[in-house]
Amino acid sequence: MFIILFLIVAFILCFFICAFAAGIVKAIDMTPDEWRDFVEDYRREKKQKKESKRLYRSIESQAIAKYPGRANYRKRKAYIDRHI
């Protein structure tokens, strides 16, 4: 039983080490233009994620203002789903 557990942990560790090494090799092989594109895409995705969170919080606060109290959870959820 201990051997099986050890093998499973070893395979998981091997997988993550290989993935990490492949990422490093890929990063080393990138040209400056590819790096620039990668960084721009990362920043764009981060900005979009931040904007979507802000929009969701805004809609959620409107729903809470319209349907206050703990008993109106389903109404708030429906309101949020309608406005997203």
PDB file of N, CA and C in Angstrom:
ATOM      1  N   MET A   1       0.833  -1.199   0.000  1.00  0.00           N
ATOM      2  CA  MET A   1       0.000   0.000   0.000  1.00  0.00           C
ATOM      3  C   MET A   1       0.877   1.263   0.000  1.00  0.00           C
ATOM      4  N   PHE A   2       1.915   1.218   0.833  1.00  0.00           N
ATOM      5  CA  PHE A   2       2.825   2.350   0.914  1.00  0.00           C
ATOM      6  C   PHE A   2       3.541   2.569  -0.417  1.00  0.00           C
ATOM      7  N   ILE A   3       3.870   1.501  -1.107  1.00  0.00           N
ATOM      8  CA  ILE A   3       4.571   1.600  -2.388  1.00  0.00           C
ATOM      9  C   ILE A   3       3.676   2.259  -3.429  1.00  0.00           C
ATOM     10  N   ILE A   4       2.407   1.917  -3.453  1.00  0.00           N
ATOM     11  CA  ILE A   4       1.460   2.512  -4.402  1.00  0.00           C
ATOM     12  C   ILE A   4       1.321   4.013  -4.142  1.00  0.00           C
ATOM     13  N   LEU A   5       1.196   4.383  -2.880  1.00  0.00           N
ATOM     14  CA  LEU A   5       1.099   5.793  -2.524  1.00  0.00           C
ATOM     15  C   LEU A   5       2.370   6.533  -2.934  1.00  0.00           C
ATOM     16  N   PHE A   6       3.523   5.926  -2.679  1.00  0.00           N
ATOM     17  CA  PHE A   6       4.797   6.526  -3.065  1.00  0.00           C
ATOM     18  C   PHE A   6       4.888   6.710  -4.576  1.00  0.00           C
ATOM     19  N   LEU A   7       4.445   5.731  -5.360  1.00  0.00           N
ATOM     20  CA  LEU A   7       4.482   5.833  -6.813  1.00  0.00           C
ATOM     21  C   LEU A   7       3.563   6.944  -7.325  1.00  0.00           C
ATOM     22  N   ILE A   8       2.391   7.054  -6.736  1.00  0.00           N
ATOM     23  CA  ILE A   8       1.447   8.098  -7.147  1.00  0.00           C
ATOM     24  C   ILE A   8       2.040   9.481  -6.880  1.00  0.00           C
ATOM     25  N   VAL A   9       2.610   9.665  -5.688  1.00  0.00           N
ATOM     26  CA  VAL A   9       3.222  10.953  -5.345  1.00  0.00           C
ATOM     27  C   VAL A   9       4.402  11.233  -6.273  1.00  0.00           C
ATOM     28  N   ALA A  10       5.200  10.203  -6.578  1.00  0.00           N
ATOM     29  CA  ALA A  10       6.347  10.375  -7.469  1.00  0.00           C
ATOM     30  C   ALA A  10       5.902  10.776  -8.867  1.00  0.00           C
ATOM     31  N   PHE A  11       4.833  10.171  -9.387  1.00  0.00           N
ATOM     32  CA  PHE A  11       4.329  10.533 -10.714  1.00  0.00           C
ATOM     33  C   PHE A  11       3.810  11.970 -10.740  1.00  0.00           C
ATOM     34  N   ILE A  12       3.124  12.365  -9.689  1.00  0.00           N
ATOM     35  CA  ILE A  12       2.612  13.734  -9.623  1.00  0.00           C
ATOM     36  C   ILE A  12       3.773  14.729  -9.581  1.00  0.00           C
ATOM     37  N   LEU A  13       4.762  14.463  -8.751  1.00  0.00           N
ATOM     38  CA  LEU A  13       5.935  15.338  -8.692  1.00  0.00           C
ATOM     39  C   LEU A  13       6.662  15.395 -10.026  1.00  0.00           C
ATOM     40  N   CYS A  14       6.809  14.260 -10.670  1.00  0.00           N
ATOM     41  CA  CYS A  14       7.479  14.205 -11.971  1.00  0.00           C
ATOM     42  C   CYS A  14       6.714  15.042 -13.005  1.00  0.00           C
ATOM     43  N   PHE A  15       5.397  14.949 -12.990  1.00  0.00           N
ATOM     44  CA  PHE A  15       4.578  15.724 -13.917  1.00  0.00           C
ATOM     45  C   PHE A  15       4.809  17.221 -13.733  1.00  0.00           C
ATOM     46  N   PHE A  16       4.764  17.693 -12.486  1.00  0.00           N
ATOM     47  CA  PHE A  16       4.929  19.124 -12.239  1.00  0.00           C
ATOM     48  C   PHE A  16       6.345  19.597 -12.551  1.00  0.00           C
ATOM     49  N   ILE A  17       7.332  18.792 -12.267  1.00  0.00           N
ATOM     50  CA  ILE A  17       8.710  19.166 -12.589  1.00  0.00           C
ATOM     51  C   ILE A  17       8.897  19.256 -14.101  1.00  0.00           C
ATOM     52  N   CYS A  18       8.332  18.304 -14.835  1.00  0.00           N
ATOM     53  CA  CYS A  18       8.434  18.338 -16.297  1.00  0.00           C
ATOM     54  C   CYS A  18       7.702  19.547 -16.878  1.00  0.00           C
ATOM     55  N   ALA A  19       6.532  19.864 -16.353  1.00  0.00           N
ATOM     56  CA  ALA A  19       5.777  21.024 -16.829  1.00  0.00           C
ATOM     57  C   ALA A  19       6.550  22.315 -16.547  1.00  0.00           C
ATOM     58  N   PHE A  20       7.158  22.406 -15.391  1.00  0.00           N
ATOM     59  CA  PHE A  20       7.949  23.580 -15.038  1.00  0.00           C
ATOM     60  C   PHE A  20       9.149  23.712 -15.971  1.00  0.00           C
ATOM     61  N   ALA A  21       9.834  22.611 -16.224  1.00  0.00           N
ATOM     62  CA  ALA A  21      10.992  22.633 -17.117  1.00  0.00           C
ATOM     63  C   ALA A  21      10.582  23.009 -18.536  1.00  0.00           C
ATOM     64  N   ALA A  22       9.450  22.491 -19.017  1.00  0.00           N
ATOM     65  CA  ALA A  22       8.978  22.825 -20.363  1.00  0.00           C
ATOM     66  C   ALA A  22       8.639  24.318 -20.460  1.00  0.00           C
ATOM     67  N   GLY A  23       8.068  24.880 -19.407  1.00  0.00           N
ATOM     68  CA  GLY A  23       7.769  26.315 -19.390  1.00  0.00           C
ATOM     69  C   GLY A  23       9.023  27.156 -19.448  1.00  0.00           C
ATOM     70  N   ILE A  24      10.046  26.743 -18.725  1.00  0.00           N
ATOM     71  CA  ILE A  24      11.314  27.483 -18.750  1.00  0.00           C
ATOM     72  C   ILE A  24      11.943  27.416 -20.133  1.00  0.00           C
ATOM     73  N   VAL A  25      11.941  26.237 -20.743  1.00  0.00           N
ATOM     74  CA  VAL A  25      12.520  26.083 -22.081  1.00  0.00           C
ATOM     75  C   VAL A  25      11.755  26.935 -23.093  1.00  0.00           C
ATOM     76  N   LYS A  26      10.437  26.947 -22.980  1.00  0.00           N
ATOM     77  CA  LYS A  26       9.625  27.747 -23.897  1.00  0.00           C
ATOM     78  C   LYS A  26       9.916  29.239 -23.711  1.00  0.00           C
ATOM     79  N   ALA A  27      10.076  29.664 -22.463  1.00  0.00           N
ATOM     80  CA  ALA A  27      10.360  31.071 -22.187  1.00  0.00           C
ATOM     81  C   ALA A  27      11.727  31.476 -22.728  1.00  0.00           C
ATOM     82  N   ILE A  28      12.683  30.588 -22.636  1.00  0.00           N
ATOM     83  CA  ILE A  28      14.023  30.900 -23.141  1.00  0.00           C
ATOM     84  C   ILE A  28      14.015  31.020 -24.662  1.00  0.00           C
ATOM     85  N   ASP A  29      13.204  30.212 -25.322  1.00  0.00           N
ATOM     86  CA  ASP A  29      13.160  30.201 -26.782  1.00  0.00           C
ATOM     87  C   ASP A  29      12.362  31.349 -27.396  1.00  0.00           C
ATOM     88  N   MET A  30      11.669  32.135 -26.582  1.00  0.00           N
ATOM     89  CA  MET A  30      10.838  33.205 -27.125  1.00  0.00           C
ATOM     90  C   MET A  30      11.696  34.378 -27.593  1.00  0.00           C
ATOM     91  N   THR A  31      11.276  34.978 -28.698  1.00  0.00           N
ATOM     92  CA  THR A  31      11.945  36.173 -29.212  1.00  0.00           C
ATOM     93  C   THR A  31      11.402  37.401 -28.468  1.00  0.00           C
ATOM     94  N   PRO A  32      12.065  38.538 -28.569  1.00  0.00           N
ATOM     95  CA  PRO A  32      11.562  39.748 -27.894  1.00  0.00           C
ATOM     96  C   PRO A  32      10.152  40.148 -28.347  1.00  0.00           C
ATOM     97  N   ASP A  33       9.843  39.961 -29.634  1.00  0.00           N
ATOM     98  CA  ASP A  33       8.492  40.277 -30.104  1.00  0.00           C
ATOM     99  C   ASP A  33       7.459  39.350 -29.475  1.00  0.00           C
ATOM    100  N   GLU A  34       7.791  38.061 -29.355  1.00  0.00           N
ATOM    101  CA  GLU A  34       6.870  37.118 -28.721  1.00  0.00           C
ATOM    102  C   GLU A  34       6.680  37.456 -27.248  1.00  0.00           C
ATOM    103  N   TRP A  35       7.765  37.872 -26.567  1.00  0.00           N
ATOM    104  CA  TRP A  35       7.656  38.284 -25.174  1.00  0.00           C
ATOM    105  C   TRP A  35       6.736  39.491 -25.044  1.00  0.00           C
ATOM    106  N   ARG A  36       6.913  40.455 -25.945  1.00  0.00           N
ATOM    107  CA  ARG A  36       6.090  41.657 -25.904  1.00  0.00           C
ATOM    108  C   ARG A  36       4.615  41.288 -26.087  1.00  0.00           C
ATOM    109  N   ASP A  37       4.322  40.416 -27.049  1.00  0.00           N
ATOM    110  CA  ASP A  37       2.947  39.977 -27.268  1.00  0.00           C
ATOM    111  C   ASP A  37       2.407  39.233 -26.054  1.00  0.00           C
ATOM    112  N   PHE A  38       3.250  38.383 -25.464  1.00  0.00           N
ATOM    113  CA  PHE A  38       2.838  37.620 -24.291  1.00  0.00           C
ATOM    114  C   PHE A  38       2.479  38.549 -23.134  1.00  0.00           C
ATOM    115  N   VAL A  39       3.322  39.541 -22.893  1.00  0.00           N
ATOM    116  CA  VAL A  39       3.080  40.479 -21.795  1.00  0.00           C
ATOM    117  C   VAL A  39       1.843  41.330 -22.071  1.00  0.00           C
ATOM    118  N   GLU A  40       1.674  41.773 -23.316  1.00  0.00           N
ATOM    119  CA  GLU A  40       0.482  42.559 -23.659  1.00  0.00           C
ATOM    120  C   GLU A  40      -0.781  41.744 -23.477  1.00  0.00           C
ATOM    121  N   ASP A  41      -0.775  40.485 -23.900  1.00  0.00           N
ATOM    122  CA  ASP A  41      -1.941  39.617 -23.720  1.00  0.00           C
ATOM    123  C   ASP A  41      -2.241  39.402 -22.244  1.00  0.00           C
ATOM    124  N   TYR A  42      -1.192  39.193 -21.456  1.00  0.00           N
ATOM    125  CA  TYR A  42      -1.374  38.992 -20.015  1.00  0.00           C
ATOM    126  C   TYR A  42      -1.998  40.227 -19.374  1.00  0.00           C
ATOM    127  N   ARG A  43      -1.476  41.392 -19.720  1.00  0.00           N
ATOM    128  CA  ARG A  43      -2.023  42.634 -19.155  1.00  0.00           C
ATOM    129  C   ARG A  43      -3.460  42.864 -19.594  1.00  0.00           C
ATOM    130  N   ARG A  44      -3.757  42.561 -20.869  1.00  0.00           N
ATOM    131  CA  ARG A  44      -5.110  42.730 -21.377  1.00  0.00           C
ATOM    132  C   ARG A  44      -6.079  41.797 -20.644  1.00  0.00           C
ATOM    133  N   GLU A  45      -5.686  40.535 -20.476  1.00  0.00           N
ATOM    134  CA  GLU A  45      -6.546  39.589 -19.771  1.00  0.00           C
ATOM    135  C   GLU A  45      -6.768  40.011 -18.328  1.00  0.00           C
ATOM    136  N   LYS A  46      -5.702  40.488 -17.685  1.00  0.00           N
ATOM    137  CA  LYS A  46      -5.813  40.941 -16.297  1.00  0.00           C
ATOM    138  C   LYS A  46      -6.766  42.128 -16.191  1.00  0.00           C
ATOM    139  N   LYS A  47      -6.665  43.060 -17.136  1.00  0.00           N
ATOM    140  CA  LYS A  47      -7.541  44.232 -17.143  1.00  0.00           C
ATOM    141  C   LYS A  47      -9.000  43.823 -17.386  1.00  0.00           C
ATOM    142  N   GLN A  48      -9.221  42.893 -18.328  1.00  0.00           N
ATOM    143  CA  GLN A  48     -10.577  42.431 -18.605  1.00  0.00           C
ATOM    144  C   GLN A  48     -11.165  41.714 -17.394  1.00  0.00           C
ATOM    145  N   LYS A  49     -10.357  40.922 -16.712  1.00  0.00           N
ATOM    146  CA  LYS A  49     -10.829  40.208 -15.525  1.00  0.00           C
ATOM    147  C   LYS A  49     -11.215  41.200 -14.431  1.00  0.00           C
ATOM    148  N   LYS A  50     -10.388  42.217 -14.246  1.00  0.00           N
ATOM    149  CA  LYS A  50     -10.672  43.249 -13.243  1.00  0.00           C
ATOM    150  C   LYS A  50     -11.957  43.991 -13.587  1.00  0.00           C
ATOM    151  N   GLU A  51     -12.136  44.317 -14.864  1.00  0.00           N
ATOM    152  CA  GLU A  51     -13.343  45.026 -15.310  1.00  0.00           C
ATOM    153  C   GLU A  51     -14.591  44.161 -15.122  1.00  0.00           C
ATOM    154  N   SER A  52     -14.488  42.879 -15.423  1.00  0.00           N
ATOM    155  CA  SER A  52     -15.650  42.005 -15.263  1.00  0.00           C
ATOM    156  C   SER A  52     -16.008  41.839 -13.788  1.00  0.00           C
ATOM    157  N   LYS A  53     -15.000  41.785 -12.912  1.00  0.00           N
ATOM    158  CA  LYS A  53     -15.289  41.726 -11.475  1.00  0.00           C
ATOM    159  C   LYS A  53     -15.991  42.996 -11.017  1.00  0.00           C
ATOM    160  N   ARG A  54     -15.511  44.144 -11.515  1.00  0.00           N
ATOM    161  CA  ARG A  54     -16.119  45.420 -11.139  1.00  0.00           C
ATOM    162  C   ARG A  54     -17.569  45.479 -11.599  1.00  0.00           C
ATOM    163  N   LEU A  55     -17.820  45.023 -12.822  1.00  0.00           N
ATOM    164  CA  LEU A  55     -19.176  45.015 -13.357  1.00  0.00           C
ATOM    165  C   LEU A  55     -20.079  44.088 -12.537  1.00  0.00           C
ATOM    166  N   TYR A  56     -19.566  42.905 -12.184  1.00  0.00           N
ATOM    167  CA  TYR A  56     -20.355  41.960 -11.399  1.00  0.00           C
ATOM    168  C   TYR A  56     -20.684  42.546 -10.029  1.00  0.00           C
ATOM    169  N   ARG A  57     -19.699  43.176  -9.382  1.00  0.00           N
ATOM    170  CA  ARG A  57     -19.958  43.782  -8.072  1.00  0.00           C
ATOM    171  C   ARG A  57     -20.993  44.895  -8.168  1.00  0.00           C
ATOM    172  N   SER A  58     -20.941  45.654  -9.255  1.00  0.00           N
ATOM    173  CA  SER A  58     -21.903  46.730  -9.447  1.00  0.00           C
ATOM    174  C   SER A  58     -23.313  46.164  -9.591  1.00  0.00           C
ATOM    175  N   ILE A  59     -23.463  45.135 -10.414  1.00  0.00           N
ATOM    176  CA  ILE A  59     -24.777  44.511 -10.604  1.00  0.00           C
ATOM    177  C   ILE A  59     -25.248  43.862  -9.310  1.00  0.00           C
ATOM    178  N   GLU A  60     -24.306  43.238  -8.589  1.00  0.00           N
ATOM    179  CA  GLU A  60     -24.668  42.601  -7.328  1.00  0.00           C
ATOM    180  C   GLU A  60     -25.150  43.625  -6.300  1.00  0.00           C
ATOM    181  N   SER A  61     -24.499  44.770  -6.239  1.00  0.00           N
ATOM    182  CA  SER A  61     -24.938  45.800  -5.289  1.00  0.00           C
ATOM    183  C   SER A  61     -26.304  46.360  -5.674  1.00  0.00           C
ATOM    184  N   GLN A  62     -26.577  46.464  -6.978  1.00  0.00           N
ATOM    185  CA  GLN A  62     -27.900  46.902  -7.417  1.00  0.00           C
ATOM    186  C   GLN A  62     -28.962  45.880  -7.015  1.00  0.00           C
ATOM    187  N   ALA A  63     -28.620  44.603  -7.146  1.00  0.00           N
ATOM    188  CA  ALA A  63     -29.562  43.545  -6.779  1.00  0.00           C
ATOM    189  C   ALA A  63     -29.831  43.557  -5.276  1.00  0.00           C
ATOM    190  N   ILE A  64     -28.792  43.780  -4.481  1.00  0.00           N
ATOM    191  CA  ILE A  64     -28.972  43.827  -3.027  1.00  0.00           C
ATOM    192  C   ILE A  64     -29.823  45.033  -2.640  1.00  0.00           C
ATOM    193  N   ALA A  65     -29.618  46.154  -3.320  1.00  0.00           N
ATOM    194  CA  ALA A  65     -30.418  47.348  -3.029  1.00  0.00           C
ATOM    195  C   ALA A  65     -31.875  47.134  -3.408  1.00  0.00           C
ATOM    196  N   LYS A  66     -32.101  46.409  -4.517  1.00  0.00           N
ATOM    197  CA  LYS A  66     -33.471  46.197  -4.976  1.00  0.00           C
ATOM    198  C   LYS A  66     -34.177  45.126  -4.156  1.00  0.00           C
ATOM    199  N   TYR A  67     -33.450  44.068  -3.773  1.00  0.00           N
ATOM    200  CA  TYR A  67     -34.023  42.958  -3.001  1.00  0.00           C
ATOM    201  C   TYR A  67     -33.226  42.749  -1.719  1.00  0.00           C
ATOM    202  N   PRO A  68     -33.443  43.579  -0.700  1.00  0.00           N
ATOM    203  CA  PRO A  68     -32.688  43.434   0.545  1.00  0.00           C
ATOM    204  C   PRO A  68     -33.180  42.238   1.366  1.00  0.00           C
ATOM    205  N   GLY A  69     -32.351  41.804   2.284  1.00  0.00           N
ATOM    206  CA  GLY A  69     -32.732  40.722   3.189  1.00  0.00           C
ATOM    207  C   GLY A  69     -32.207  39.377   2.727  1.00  0.00           C
ATOM    208  N   ARG A  70     -32.181  38.441   3.696  1.00  0.00           N
ATOM    209  CA  ARG A  70     -31.654  37.110   3.402  1.00  0.00           C
ATOM    210  C   ARG A  70     -32.642  36.250   2.628  1.00  0.00           C
ATOM    211  N   ALA A  71     -33.918  36.531   2.721  1.00  0.00           N
ATOM    212  CA  ALA A  71     -34.935  35.689   2.098  1.00  0.00           C
ATOM    213  C   ALA A  71     -35.027  35.892   0.585  1.00  0.00           C
ATOM    214  N   ASN A  72     -34.440  36.929   0.058  1.00  0.00           N
ATOM    215  CA  ASN A  72     -34.564  37.248  -1.360  1.00  0.00           C
ATOM    216  C   ASN A  72     -33.353  36.806  -2.189  1.00  0.00           C
ATOM    217  N   TYR A  73     -32.663  35.762  -1.749  1.00  0.00           N
ATOM    218  CA  TYR A  73     -31.469  35.309  -2.456  1.00  0.00           C
ATOM    219  C   TYR A  73     -31.782  34.905  -3.893  1.00  0.00           C
ATOM    220  N   ARG A  74     -32.855  34.167  -4.083  1.00  0.00           N
ATOM    221  CA  ARG A  74     -33.207  33.696  -5.440  1.00  0.00           C
ATOM    222  C   ARG A  74     -33.560  34.870  -6.355  1.00  0.00           C
ATOM    223  N   LYS A  75     -34.245  35.855  -5.826  1.00  0.00           N
ATOM    224  CA  LYS A  75     -34.580  37.027  -6.634  1.00  0.00           C
ATOM    225  C   LYS A  75     -33.317  37.788  -7.023  1.00  0.00           C
ATOM    226  N   ARG A  76     -32.399  37.929  -6.061  1.00  0.00           N
ATOM    227  CA  ARG A  76     -31.130  38.607  -6.379  1.00  0.00           C
ATOM    228  C   ARG A  76     -30.347  37.823  -7.423  1.00  0.00           C
ATOM    229  N   LYS A  77     -30.290  36.511  -7.274  1.00  0.00           N
ATOM    230  CA  LYS A  77     -29.569  35.676  -8.230  1.00  0.00           C
ATOM    231  C   LYS A  77     -30.178  35.804  -9.622  1.00  0.00           C
ATOM    232  N   ALA A  78     -31.503  35.798  -9.706  1.00  0.00           N
ATOM    233  CA  ALA A  78     -32.183  35.964 -11.008  1.00  0.00           C
ATOM    234  C   ALA A  78     -31.894  37.335 -11.604  1.00  0.00           C
ATOM    235  N   TYR A  79     -31.890  38.364 -10.751  1.00  0.00           N
ATOM    236  CA  TYR A  79     -31.584  39.721 -11.217  1.00  0.00           C
ATOM    237  C   TYR A  79     -30.165  39.793 -11.782  1.00  0.00           C
ATOM    238  N   ILE A  80     -29.214  39.205 -11.070  1.00  0.00           N
ATOM    239  CA  ILE A  80     -27.820  39.205 -11.531  1.00  0.00           C
ATOM    240  C   ILE A  80     -27.696  38.447 -12.841  1.00  0.00           C
ATOM    241  N   ASP A  81     -28.323  37.282 -12.927  1.00  0.00           N
ATOM    242  CA  ASP A  81     -28.256  36.480 -14.169  1.00  0.00           C
ATOM    243  C   ASP A  81     -28.861  37.217 -15.354  1.00  0.00           C
ATOM    244  N   ARG A  82     -29.931  37.968 -15.109  1.00  0.00           N
ATOM    245  CA  ARG A  82     -30.572  38.708 -16.199  1.00  0.00           C
ATOM    246  C   ARG A  82     -29.680  39.828 -16.707  1.00  0.00           C
ATOM    247  N   HIS A  83     -28.926  40.473 -15.803  1.00  0.00           N
ATOM    248  CA  HIS A  83     -28.166  41.648 -16.194  1.00  0.00           C
ATOM    249  C   HIS A  83     -26.720  41.377 -16.577  1.00  0.00           C
ATOM    250  N   ILE A  84     -26.312  40.152 -16.500  1.00  0.00           N
ATOM    251  CA  ILE A  84     -24.925  39.840 -16.914  1.00  0.00           C
ATOM    252  C   ILE A  84     -24.858  39.550 -18.361  1.00  0.00           C
TER     253      ILE A  84
END
